[in-house]
C-alpha cells in the first residue's frame, strides 16, 4: 500500500525541468524582512509566505530582489543588481492602514525596477483577494495595469482599505505582525514617515 501511494505521489508531484521532485514547501517560498529605524532601533523581522502557485512571475521577481540575484543572461539591467536590502519604507499611510516600500532605483518612491528587466508583465489580479493583517501586495506601475517593478505595499489594517485597485495580493505575513504594527506607528495622514525606517536585511528561507 505504501509503495502504491509513493508511486502515485511521484506521478502527480511537481518536478523541475530536470525531472527532480520539487518539495511542496518550495512551491510557495518564504522570505524575511528586517526593519530598523534611522536611529538604529531594530523593530524586528517579518516572515512572508509567497503565492507562487497564483503569481509565479511576481514571486520569482520578488525572490530575486530579496536575495540580490538575477538571471545571468539578463542584459537589460546594464550589469546592475537590484536588492531590497538598504531600501527605505518610503510611505506609511496611516489613513489607509498600509505602508509602501521597494524602490530599488531612487529609494524615494518615485521609481522601481524589476530584477531582470524594467518591469514584470502579464500578471492579472484575482477578482476578490483575501485581505488580512499582513497582506503583501505588488504595486502596479499604473493603477489597474498589469506591469510591475519592485515596489510593494503591506496592508496592516484591512478595515481601512476600501478597494484594492493599485496592486496584486501575492503573499501573507506568517510571523511578525507586531513588527508591521511598529512600522505603522510611524505613519502620518499624508504618508510621510515620522521616523525613517529601512529594510536592513532580507532574504529567502
Protein backbone atom coordinates (compact mmCIF):
# COMPACT_ATOMS: atom_id res chain seq x y z
CA UNK A 1 0.00 0.00 0.00
CA UNK A 2 2.81 2.40 0.96
CA UNK A 3 4.63 1.67 -2.30
CA UNK A 4 1.47 2.34 -4.30
CA UNK A 5 0.91 5.68 -2.57
CA UNK A 6 4.53 6.63 -3.14
CA UNK A 7 4.24 5.88 -6.83
CA UNK A 8 1.01 7.86 -7.09
CA UNK A 9 2.56 10.83 -5.31
CA UNK A 10 5.60 10.68 -7.58
CA UNK A 11 3.33 10.67 -10.60
CA UNK A 12 1.45 13.80 -9.54
CA UNK A 13 4.18 15.65 -7.65
CA UNK A 14 5.64 18.73 -9.44
CA UNK A 15 9.14 18.40 -10.85
CA UNK A 16 11.66 20.88 -12.24
CA UNK A 17 13.00 20.95 -15.80
CA UNK A 18 15.44 18.15 -14.92
CA UNK A 19 12.72 15.90 -13.57
CA UNK A 20 13.77 16.40 -9.95
CA UNK A 21 10.89 16.42 -7.48
CA UNK A 22 10.18 19.87 -6.02
CA UNK A 23 9.34 19.83 -2.28
CA UNK A 24 5.88 21.17 -1.51
CA UNK A 25 7.43 23.70 0.88
CA UNK A 26 9.29 25.31 -2.02
CA UNK A 27 6.24 25.78 -4.21
CA UNK A 28 5.20 28.80 -2.14
CA UNK A 29 8.52 30.15 -0.83
CA UNK A 30 9.03 32.10 2.39
CA UNK A 31 11.04 35.31 2.67
CA UNK A 32 12.03 37.55 5.57
CA UNK A 33 12.45 41.30 6.05
CA UNK A 34 14.20 43.05 8.93
CA UNK A 35 13.08 46.61 9.66
CA UNK A 36 15.24 49.16 11.51
CA UNK A 37 14.68 52.85 12.32
CA UNK A 38 17.10 55.63 11.37
CA UNK A 39 18.27 55.63 14.99
CA UNK A 40 19.40 52.03 14.80
CA UNK A 41 16.45 50.58 16.70
CA UNK A 42 15.55 47.15 15.29
CA UNK A 43 11.79 46.79 15.01
CA UNK A 44 12.16 43.09 14.21
CA UNK A 45 11.76 40.57 11.42
CA UNK A 46 8.68 39.67 9.40
CA UNK A 47 8.23 36.38 7.52
CA UNK A 48 6.06 36.32 4.40
CA UNK A 49 4.70 33.29 2.56
CA UNK A 50 4.53 33.99 -1.18
CA UNK A 51 1.82 32.66 -3.51
CA UNK A 52 3.96 31.29 -6.33
CA UNK A 53 1.18 28.96 -7.41
CA UNK A 54 -1.01 32.00 -8.22
CA UNK A 55 1.53 34.60 -9.35
CA UNK A 56 4.76 32.82 -10.37
CA UNK A 57 6.28 35.77 -12.25
CA UNK A 58 5.74 38.20 -9.40
CA UNK A 59 7.10 35.76 -6.84
CA UNK A 60 10.18 34.93 -8.91
CA UNK A 61 10.92 38.63 -9.34
CA UNK A 62 10.34 39.33 -5.64
CA UNK A 63 12.62 36.50 -4.50
CA UNK A 64 15.42 37.74 -6.74
CA UNK A 65 15.09 41.22 -5.29
CA UNK A 66 15.13 39.76 -1.77
CA UNK A 67 18.40 37.94 -2.44
CA UNK A 68 20.07 40.38 -4.82
CA UNK A 69 20.26 37.76 -7.56
CA UNK A 70 19.19 37.98 -11.18
CA UNK A 71 19.13 35.95 -14.37
CA UNK A 72 22.76 35.78 -15.58
CA UNK A 73 21.53 36.05 -19.17
CA UNK A 74 19.77 39.35 -18.49
CA UNK A 75 21.23 42.24 -20.47
CA UNK A 76 18.58 44.87 -19.72
CA UNK A 77 19.95 45.99 -16.32
CA UNK A 78 23.35 47.20 -17.60
CA UNK A 79 25.14 44.92 -15.17
CA UNK A 80 23.31 46.29 -12.14
CA UNK A 81 21.94 44.02 -9.45
CA UNK A 82 18.92 45.30 -7.56
CA UNK A 83 18.30 44.42 -3.92
CA UNK A 84 15.68 45.34 -1.33
CA UNK A 85 18.36 45.43 1.36
CA UNK A 86 19.16 49.02 2.25
CA UNK A 87 15.98 50.48 0.76
CA UNK A 88 13.52 52.57 2.81
CA UNK A 89 9.88 52.31 3.70
CA UNK A 90 9.11 55.47 1.76
CA UNK A 91 5.43 55.87 2.67
CA UNK A 92 3.48 54.92 5.79
CA UNK A 93 -0.16 55.80 5.15
CA UNK A 94 -1.97 55.90 8.48
CA UNK A 95 -5.37 56.64 6.93
CA UNK A 96 -5.09 53.67 4.57
CA UNK A 97 -3.62 51.19 7.05
CA UNK A 98 -0.64 50.28 4.88
CA UNK A 99 2.98 51.14 4.12
CA UNK A 100 4.88 51.19 0.83
CA UNK A 101 8.47 50.14 0.12
CA UNK A 102 10.66 48.57 -2.55
CA UNK A 103 12.00 51.49 -4.59
CA UNK A 104 15.36 49.95 -5.51
CA UNK A 105 16.05 52.64 -8.10
CA UNK A 106 15.71 56.05 -6.43
CA UNK A 107 14.82 54.95 -2.88
CA UNK A 108 12.16 57.63 -2.55
CA UNK A 109 9.09 56.03 -4.10
CA UNK A 110 9.49 57.71 -7.48
CA UNK A 111 10.94 54.68 -9.22
CA UNK A 112 11.33 50.94 -9.20
CA UNK A 113 12.99 48.23 -11.25
CA UNK A 114 12.36 44.51 -11.63
CA UNK A 115 15.25 42.10 -11.11
CA UNK A 116 15.90 41.20 -14.75
CA UNK A 117 14.12 43.94 -16.70
CA UNK A 118 12.41 47.26 -16.15
CA UNK A 119 9.08 45.61 -15.39
CA UNK A 120 7.36 42.25 -14.98
CA UNK A 121 4.20 41.95 -17.07
CA UNK A 122 1.08 39.85 -17.62
CA UNK A 123 0.10 39.26 -14.01
CA UNK A 124 -3.65 39.66 -13.58
CA UNK A 125 -5.06 40.36 -10.09
CA UNK A 126 -7.56 37.97 -8.58
CA UNK A 127 -11.13 39.25 -8.56
CA UNK A 128 -11.69 39.11 -4.78
CA UNK A 129 -8.41 38.71 -2.88
CA UNK A 130 -8.45 37.87 0.81
CA UNK A 131 -7.26 40.85 2.85
CA UNK A 132 -5.93 40.15 6.34
CA UNK A 133 -3.38 41.93 8.55
CA UNK A 134 -0.02 41.42 6.86
CA UNK A 135 -1.29 41.10 3.28
CA UNK A 136 1.62 41.58 0.85
CA UNK A 137 0.89 43.25 -2.50
CA UNK A 138 2.92 44.25 -5.53
CA UNK A 139 2.13 47.79 -6.63
CA UNK A 140 1.05 48.38 -10.22
CA UNK A 141 3.19 50.76 -12.25
CA UNK A 142 -0.15 52.29 -13.28
CA UNK A 143 -3.48 51.86 -11.42
CA UNK A 144 -5.30 48.86 -12.83
CA UNK A 145 -2.37 47.92 -15.07
CA UNK A 146 -0.52 44.63 -15.45
CA UNK A 147 3.06 45.91 -15.24
CA UNK A 148 5.06 45.72 -12.00
CA UNK A 149 8.60 46.62 -10.97
CA UNK A 150 9.97 46.31 -7.42
CA UNK A 151 7.60 48.45 -5.37
CA UNK A 152 5.28 46.72 -2.95
CA UNK A 153 2.98 47.54 -0.06
CA UNK A 154 1.84 45.75 3.07
CA UNK A 155 -1.72 46.06 4.35
CA UNK A 156 -1.63 46.12 8.15
CA UNK A 157 -5.21 47.26 8.82
CA UNK A 158 -7.57 45.83 6.14
CA UNK A 159 -10.55 47.72 7.59
CA UNK A 160 -9.10 50.94 6.13
CA UNK A 161 -8.73 49.53 2.60
CA UNK A 162 -11.87 50.32 0.62
CA UNK A 163 -10.82 48.79 -2.70
CA UNK A 164 -7.64 47.16 -3.95
CA UNK A 165 -7.18 48.69 -7.40
CA UNK A 166 -3.48 49.51 -7.47
CA UNK A 167 -1.90 46.21 -6.54
CA UNK A 168 -1.95 42.42 -6.57
CA UNK A 169 -2.03 40.23 -3.47
CA UNK A 170 0.80 37.70 -3.72
CA UNK A 171 1.67 36.86 -0.12
CA UNK A 172 0.78 36.98 3.56
CA UNK A 173 2.75 37.55 6.75
CA UNK A 174 3.19 34.36 8.76
CA UNK A 175 5.23 35.88 11.57
CA UNK A 176 5.95 39.38 12.85
CA UNK A 177 2.60 41.18 12.77
CA UNK A 178 3.72 43.18 15.79
CA UNK A 179 6.68 44.41 13.73
CA UNK A 180 4.33 45.60 10.98
CA UNK A 181 2.29 47.44 13.60
CA UNK A 182 5.51 49.05 14.81
CA UNK A 183 6.16 50.33 11.30
CA UNK A 184 2.61 51.70 11.09
CA UNK A 185 3.11 53.60 14.36
CA UNK A 186 5.43 55.92 12.41
CA UNK A 187 2.75 56.71 9.84
CA UNK A 188 1.04 60.01 9.07
CA UNK A 189 -2.07 61.14 7.21
CA UNK A 190 -0.05 62.22 4.17
CA UNK A 191 2.15 59.11 4.20
CA UNK A 192 5.44 60.80 5.15
CA UNK A 193 7.10 58.64 7.84
CA UNK A 194 7.63 60.40 11.17
CA UNK A 195 10.75 58.29 11.59
CA UNK A 196 12.72 56.89 8.67
CA UNK A 197 12.59 53.09 8.51
CA UNK A 198 14.84 50.92 6.39
CA UNK A 199 14.94 47.30 5.27
CA UNK A 200 18.29 46.37 6.81
CA UNK A 201 18.20 42.70 5.87
CA UNK A 202 16.09 40.38 3.75
CA UNK A 203 16.35 37.04 2.07
CA UNK A 204 14.84 33.69 1.18
CA UNK A 205 14.47 30.82 3.64
